[in-house]
Amino acid sequence: QVQLAEFGGGSVQAGGSLRLPCAASGRTVSYYAMGWFRQSPEKARECVASIRWSGGSTYYADSVKGRFTVSRENAKNKVYLQMNSLKPEDTAVYFCAAQPVGSSNYYFGQGAQVTVST
């Protein structure tokens, strides 16, 4: 089993930045794809960014492309989401996710609230 814990959520004004770290425990996630999902009351949960185990391949949703950056430190069992130029529509609960190689299932953290005000 993998346990994931997000940190660093909070409130920020539009145009500001936040960095969300996620720490994995229970087993190494070096060979897992890692990602970030978000969910708000108005929208279904969506994947906003993901990174392959090697760190060489990333995915970003169109809504965050050019503003968010996902990265990982396999030696520390951590993954990060750097969010810049934040907009009010980025307000959501952000979930760290881990996907084992060959699996279609995800492990999720408990979520971190990000609120962007005008």
N, C-alpha and C. Protein backbone atom coordinates (compact mmCIF):
# COMPACT_ATOMS: atom_id res chain seq x y z
N GLN A 1 0.83 -1.19 0.00
CA GLN A 1 0.00 0.00 0.00
C GLN A 1 0.87 1.25 0.00
N VAL A 2 0.41 2.26 -0.71
CA VAL A 2 1.08 3.55 -0.76
C VAL A 2 0.21 4.58 -0.06
N GLN A 3 0.82 5.34 0.84
CA GLN A 3 0.12 6.47 1.46
C GLN A 3 0.72 7.76 0.91
N LEU A 4 -0.16 8.69 0.57
CA LEU A 4 0.26 9.97 0.01
C LEU A 4 -0.24 11.11 0.89
N ALA A 5 0.61 12.12 1.10
CA ALA A 5 0.22 13.27 1.92
C ALA A 5 0.64 14.55 1.22
N GLU A 6 -0.34 15.41 0.96
CA GLU A 6 -0.07 16.70 0.34
C GLU A 6 0.16 17.77 1.41
N PHE A 7 0.99 18.76 1.08
CA PHE A 7 1.25 19.88 1.96
C PHE A 7 1.21 21.17 1.14
N GLY A 8 1.17 22.29 1.82
CA GLY A 8 1.39 23.57 1.14
C GLY A 8 0.18 24.22 0.54
N GLY A 9 -1.01 23.68 0.72
CA GLY A 9 -2.19 24.36 0.23
C GLY A 9 -2.40 25.67 0.99
N GLY A 10 -3.32 26.49 0.50
CA GLY A 10 -3.61 27.73 1.19
C GLY A 10 -4.34 28.71 0.30
N SER A 11 -4.31 29.98 0.71
CA SER A 11 -4.99 31.03 -0.03
C SER A 11 -3.98 31.97 -0.64
N VAL A 12 -4.27 32.43 -1.84
CA VAL A 12 -3.36 33.32 -2.55
C VAL A 12 -4.19 34.22 -3.46
N GLN A 13 -3.66 35.40 -3.75
CA GLN A 13 -4.36 36.30 -4.67
C GLN A 13 -4.07 35.90 -6.11
N ALA A 14 -4.98 36.26 -6.99
CA ALA A 14 -4.79 35.98 -8.41
C ALA A 14 -3.45 36.54 -8.89
N GLY A 15 -2.75 35.72 -9.69
CA GLY A 15 -1.43 36.10 -10.16
C GLY A 15 -0.30 35.58 -9.30
N GLY A 16 -0.64 35.07 -8.13
CA GLY A 16 0.36 34.57 -7.21
C GLY A 16 0.77 33.14 -7.51
N SER A 17 1.62 32.60 -6.63
CA SER A 17 2.18 31.26 -6.82
C SER A 17 2.03 30.43 -5.55
N LEU A 18 1.94 29.13 -5.73
CA LEU A 18 1.97 28.17 -4.63
C LEU A 18 2.71 26.93 -5.09
N ARG A 19 3.35 26.26 -4.15
CA ARG A 19 4.02 25.00 -4.44
C ARG A 19 3.43 23.92 -3.54
N LEU A 20 2.98 22.85 -4.15
CA LEU A 20 2.41 21.74 -3.41
C LEU A 20 3.38 20.56 -3.43
N PRO A 21 3.96 20.22 -2.26
CA PRO A 21 4.73 18.98 -2.18
C PRO A 21 3.81 17.82 -1.81
N CYS A 22 4.20 16.63 -2.21
CA CYS A 22 3.48 15.42 -1.84
C CYS A 22 4.52 14.39 -1.43
N ALA A 23 4.34 13.83 -0.24
CA ALA A 23 5.26 12.81 0.26
C ALA A 23 4.58 11.45 0.23
N ALA A 24 5.28 10.47 -0.32
CA ALA A 24 4.76 9.10 -0.39
C ALA A 24 5.43 8.25 0.68
N SER A 25 4.68 7.33 1.26
CA SER A 25 5.23 6.41 2.25
C SER A 25 4.58 5.04 2.04
N GLY A 26 5.11 4.07 2.69
CA GLY A 26 4.59 2.72 2.57
C GLY A 26 5.42 1.86 1.63
N ARG A 27 5.78 2.43 0.50
CA ARG A 27 6.68 1.77 -0.42
C ARG A 27 7.23 2.83 -1.39
N THR A 28 8.32 2.51 -2.03
CA THR A 28 8.89 3.48 -2.95
C THR A 28 7.98 3.66 -4.17
N VAL A 29 7.88 4.88 -4.62
CA VAL A 29 7.06 5.16 -5.80
C VAL A 29 7.94 5.50 -7.00
N SER A 30 9.20 5.09 -6.92
CA SER A 30 10.14 5.42 -8.00
C SER A 30 9.64 4.92 -9.35
N TYR A 31 8.93 3.80 -9.38
CA TYR A 31 8.49 3.24 -10.65
C TYR A 31 6.99 3.43 -10.88
N TYR A 32 6.41 4.39 -10.16
CA TYR A 32 5.02 4.74 -10.35
C TYR A 32 4.95 6.02 -11.17
N ALA A 33 3.90 6.12 -11.99
CA ALA A 33 3.57 7.43 -12.54
C ALA A 33 2.92 8.24 -11.42
N MET A 34 3.25 9.51 -11.34
CA MET A 34 2.70 10.37 -10.31
C MET A 34 1.93 11.51 -10.96
N GLY A 35 0.91 11.98 -10.29
CA GLY A 35 0.12 13.05 -10.89
C GLY A 35 -0.59 13.89 -9.85
N TRP A 36 -1.22 14.93 -10.35
CA TRP A 36 -2.03 15.83 -9.53
C TRP A 36 -3.41 15.96 -10.17
N PHE A 37 -4.43 15.74 -9.36
CA PHE A 37 -5.81 15.93 -9.77
C PHE A 37 -6.38 17.09 -8.94
N ARG A 38 -7.46 17.67 -9.43
CA ARG A 38 -8.15 18.68 -8.64
C ARG A 38 -9.66 18.50 -8.79
N GLN A 39 -10.37 18.96 -7.78
CA GLN A 39 -11.83 18.86 -7.79
C GLN A 39 -12.41 20.06 -7.09
N SER A 40 -13.43 20.64 -7.70
CA SER A 40 -14.16 21.75 -7.10
C SER A 40 -15.63 21.38 -7.08
N PRO A 41 -16.45 22.11 -6.32
CA PRO A 41 -17.88 21.78 -6.26
C PRO A 41 -18.58 21.85 -7.62
N GLU A 42 -18.01 22.67 -8.53
CA GLU A 42 -18.67 22.85 -9.82
C GLU A 42 -18.21 21.84 -10.88
N LYS A 43 -17.08 21.16 -10.62
CA LYS A 43 -16.51 20.31 -11.65
C LYS A 43 -16.16 18.92 -11.11
N ALA A 44 -16.12 17.95 -12.02
CA ALA A 44 -15.66 16.62 -11.65
C ALA A 44 -14.15 16.62 -11.44
N ARG A 45 -13.63 15.62 -10.77
CA ARG A 45 -12.18 15.53 -10.56
C ARG A 45 -11.49 15.40 -11.91
N GLU A 46 -10.44 16.19 -12.10
CA GLU A 46 -9.69 16.17 -13.35
C GLU A 46 -8.21 16.08 -13.07
N CYS A 47 -7.50 15.44 -13.97
CA CYS A 47 -6.05 15.38 -13.89
C CYS A 47 -5.49 16.66 -14.49
N VAL A 48 -4.68 17.38 -13.74
CA VAL A 48 -4.09 18.61 -14.25
C VAL A 48 -2.64 18.42 -14.66
N ALA A 49 -1.94 17.43 -14.09
CA ALA A 49 -0.55 17.21 -14.45
C ALA A 49 -0.13 15.80 -14.04
N SER A 50 0.78 15.22 -14.81
CA SER A 50 1.33 13.91 -14.43
C SER A 50 2.74 13.80 -14.95
N ILE A 51 3.49 12.87 -14.36
CA ILE A 51 4.89 12.68 -14.73
C ILE A 51 5.23 11.20 -14.64
N ARG A 52 5.90 10.68 -15.66
CA ARG A 52 6.30 9.28 -15.68
C ARG A 52 7.37 9.02 -14.62
N TRP A 53 7.60 7.75 -14.33
CA TRP A 53 8.52 7.40 -13.25
C TRP A 53 9.92 7.95 -13.50
N SER A 54 10.33 8.01 -14.77
CA SER A 54 11.67 8.48 -15.09
C SER A 54 11.76 10.00 -15.07
N GLY A 55 10.60 10.66 -15.03
CA GLY A 55 10.60 12.12 -15.06
C GLY A 55 10.76 12.69 -16.45
N GLY A 56 10.90 11.81 -17.45
CA GLY A 56 11.17 12.29 -18.79
C GLY A 56 9.94 12.65 -19.60
N SER A 57 8.76 12.31 -19.11
CA SER A 57 7.55 12.58 -19.87
C SER A 57 6.50 13.17 -18.94
N THR A 58 5.94 14.29 -19.33
CA THR A 58 4.93 14.96 -18.51
C THR A 58 3.67 15.24 -19.32
N TYR A 59 2.58 15.41 -18.59
CA TYR A 59 1.30 15.77 -19.21
C TYR A 59 0.73 16.94 -18.42
N TYR A 60 0.11 17.88 -19.14
CA TYR A 60 -0.58 19.00 -18.50
C TYR A 60 -1.93 19.20 -19.17
N ALA A 61 -2.94 19.47 -18.38
CA ALA A 61 -4.24 19.86 -18.93
C ALA A 61 -4.08 21.22 -19.61
N ASP A 62 -4.86 21.44 -20.64
CA ASP A 62 -4.77 22.70 -21.38
C ASP A 62 -4.96 23.91 -20.46
N SER A 63 -5.80 23.76 -19.46
CA SER A 63 -6.14 24.88 -18.59
C SER A 63 -4.97 25.33 -17.72
N VAL A 64 -3.94 24.51 -17.56
CA VAL A 64 -2.82 24.87 -16.70
C VAL A 64 -1.49 24.91 -17.46
N LYS A 65 -1.51 24.55 -18.72
CA LYS A 65 -0.28 24.47 -19.51
C LYS A 65 0.41 25.84 -19.53
N GLY A 66 1.71 25.84 -19.27
CA GLY A 66 2.48 27.07 -19.24
C GLY A 66 2.48 27.77 -17.90
N ARG A 67 1.62 27.33 -16.97
CA ARG A 67 1.55 27.95 -15.64
C ARG A 67 1.95 26.98 -14.53
N PHE A 68 1.65 25.71 -14.69
CA PHE A 68 1.96 24.70 -13.68
C PHE A 68 3.13 23.83 -14.15
N THR A 69 3.93 23.38 -13.19
CA THR A 69 5.04 22.47 -13.48
C THR A 69 5.04 21.34 -12.46
N VAL A 70 5.06 20.10 -12.97
CA VAL A 70 5.14 18.93 -12.10
C VAL A 70 6.56 18.39 -12.13
N SER A 71 7.08 17.99 -10.98
CA SER A 71 8.43 17.44 -10.89
C SER A 71 8.45 16.38 -9.79
N ARG A 72 9.51 15.59 -9.74
CA ARG A 72 9.61 14.54 -8.73
C ARG A 72 11.05 14.33 -8.30
N GLU A 73 11.19 13.86 -7.09
CA GLU A 73 12.49 13.46 -6.53
C GLU A 73 12.34 12.03 -6.04
N ASN A 74 12.70 11.07 -6.90
CA ASN A 74 12.50 9.66 -6.55
C ASN A 74 13.30 9.27 -5.30
N ALA A 75 14.47 9.84 -5.13
CA ALA A 75 15.29 9.50 -3.96
C ALA A 75 14.60 9.89 -2.66
N LYS A 76 13.73 10.90 -2.71
CA LYS A 76 13.02 11.36 -1.52
C LYS A 76 11.56 10.89 -1.50
N ASN A 77 11.17 10.15 -2.52
CA ASN A 77 9.78 9.67 -2.60
C ASN A 77 8.79 10.83 -2.59
N LYS A 78 9.13 11.90 -3.33
CA LYS A 78 8.30 13.10 -3.34
C LYS A 78 7.97 13.55 -4.77
N VAL A 79 6.84 14.21 -4.89
CA VAL A 79 6.45 14.83 -6.15
C VAL A 79 5.94 16.23 -5.80
N TYR A 80 6.08 17.15 -6.74
CA TYR A 80 5.75 18.56 -6.49
C TYR A 80 4.87 19.10 -7.62
N LEU A 81 4.07 20.09 -7.27
CA LEU A 81 3.33 20.85 -8.26
C LEU A 81 3.58 22.33 -8.01
N GLN A 82 4.31 22.96 -8.90
CA GLN A 82 4.55 24.41 -8.83
C GLN A 82 3.47 25.10 -9.63
N MET A 83 2.72 25.98 -8.98
CA MET A 83 1.60 26.67 -9.64
C MET A 83 1.89 28.16 -9.68
N ASN A 84 2.01 28.70 -10.87
CA ASN A 84 2.27 30.13 -11.06
C ASN A 84 1.09 30.78 -11.78
N SER A 85 1.05 32.10 -11.72
CA SER A 85 -0.01 32.87 -12.39
C SER A 85 -1.39 32.30 -12.09
N LEU A 86 -1.63 32.08 -10.82
CA LEU A 86 -2.88 31.42 -10.41
C LEU A 86 -4.08 32.30 -10.72
N LYS A 87 -5.18 31.61 -11.06
CA LYS A 87 -6.44 32.27 -11.41
C LYS A 87 -7.54 31.81 -10.44
N PRO A 88 -8.58 32.60 -10.27
CA PRO A 88 -9.68 32.16 -9.39
C PRO A 88 -10.24 30.80 -9.79
N GLU A 89 -10.25 30.49 -11.07
CA GLU A 89 -10.78 29.19 -11.52
C GLU A 89 -9.87 28.02 -11.17
N ASP A 90 -8.68 28.30 -10.62
CA ASP A 90 -7.81 27.23 -10.13
C ASP A 90 -8.20 26.80 -8.71
N THR A 91 -9.14 27.52 -8.11
CA THR A 91 -9.59 27.17 -6.76
C THR A 91 -10.20 25.77 -6.77
N ALA A 92 -9.66 24.90 -5.91
CA ALA A 92 -10.10 23.50 -5.87
C ALA A 92 -9.35 22.79 -4.75
N VAL A 93 -9.76 21.55 -4.49
CA VAL A 93 -8.96 20.66 -3.66
C VAL A 93 -8.04 19.89 -4.59
N TYR A 94 -6.76 19.92 -4.30
CA TYR A 94 -5.75 19.27 -5.13
C TYR A 94 -5.32 17.96 -4.48
N PHE A 95 -5.32 16.90 -5.28
CA PHE A 95 -4.99 15.57 -4.79
C PHE A 95 -3.74 15.06 -5.49
N CYS A 96 -2.81 14.57 -4.70
CA CYS A 96 -1.65 13.85 -5.23
C CYS A 96 -2.10 12.44 -5.57
N ALA A 97 -1.55 11.86 -6.66
CA ALA A 97 -1.95 10.53 -7.09
C ALA A 97 -0.73 9.72 -7.53
N ALA A 98 -0.80 8.42 -7.29
CA ALA A 98 0.26 7.50 -7.71
C ALA A 98 -0.37 6.33 -8.47
N GLN A 99 0.20 6.01 -9.61
CA GLN A 99 -0.31 4.93 -10.44
C GLN A 99 0.78 3.90 -10.67
N PRO A 100 0.60 2.67 -10.17
CA PRO A 100 1.61 1.64 -10.39
C PRO A 100 1.74 1.33 -11.88
N VAL A 101 2.93 0.93 -12.29
CA VAL A 101 3.16 0.56 -13.68
C VAL A 101 2.23 -0.59 -14.07
N GLY A 102 1.56 -0.45 -15.21
CA GLY A 102 0.67 -1.49 -15.70
C GLY A 102 -0.70 -1.50 -15.09
N SER A 103 -0.99 -0.57 -14.19
CA SER A 103 -2.30 -0.51 -13.54
C SER A 103 -3.08 0.68 -14.04
N SER A 104 -4.41 0.54 -14.04
CA SER A 104 -5.27 1.67 -14.39
C SER A 104 -5.82 2.34 -13.14
N ASN A 105 -5.43 1.85 -11.98
CA ASN A 105 -5.91 2.40 -10.71
C ASN A 105 -4.92 3.40 -10.13
N TYR A 106 -5.44 4.28 -9.26
CA TYR A 106 -4.62 5.28 -8.60
C TYR A 106 -4.76 5.17 -7.09
N TYR A 107 -3.68 5.53 -6.40
CA TYR A 107 -3.74 5.86 -4.98
C TYR A 107 -3.86 7.38 -4.91
N PHE A 108 -4.69 7.88 -3.97
CA PHE A 108 -4.85 9.32 -3.80
C PHE A 108 -4.52 9.72 -2.38
N GLY A 109 -4.02 10.98 -2.23
CA GLY A 109 -3.86 11.57 -0.92
C GLY A 109 -5.18 12.14 -0.44
N GLN A 110 -5.13 12.80 0.73
CA GLN A 110 -6.36 13.31 1.33
C GLN A 110 -6.78 14.64 0.74
N GLY A 111 -5.89 15.30 0.00
CA GLY A 111 -6.22 16.55 -0.66
C GLY A 111 -5.76 17.78 0.10
N ALA A 112 -5.47 18.83 -0.65
CA ALA A 112 -5.07 20.12 -0.07
C ALA A 112 -5.88 21.21 -0.75
N GLN A 113 -6.48 22.06 0.06
CA GLN A 113 -7.33 23.14 -0.48
C GLN A 113 -6.46 24.28 -1.00
N VAL A 114 -6.73 24.71 -2.22
CA VAL A 114 -6.10 25.89 -2.80
C VAL A 114 -7.22 26.86 -3.16
N THR A 115 -7.12 28.08 -2.62
CA THR A 115 -8.13 29.11 -2.88
C THR A 115 -7.45 30.33 -3.48
N VAL A 116 -7.91 30.75 -4.65
CA VAL A 116 -7.35 31.90 -5.34
C VAL A 116 -8.41 33.00 -5.38
N SER A 117 -8.08 34.14 -4.81
CA SER A 117 -9.04 35.25 -4.73
C SER A 117 -8.67 36.36 -5.71
N THR A 118 -9.67 37.14 -6.08
CA THR A 118 -9.42 38.26 -7.01
C THR A 118 -8.87 39.46 -6.25
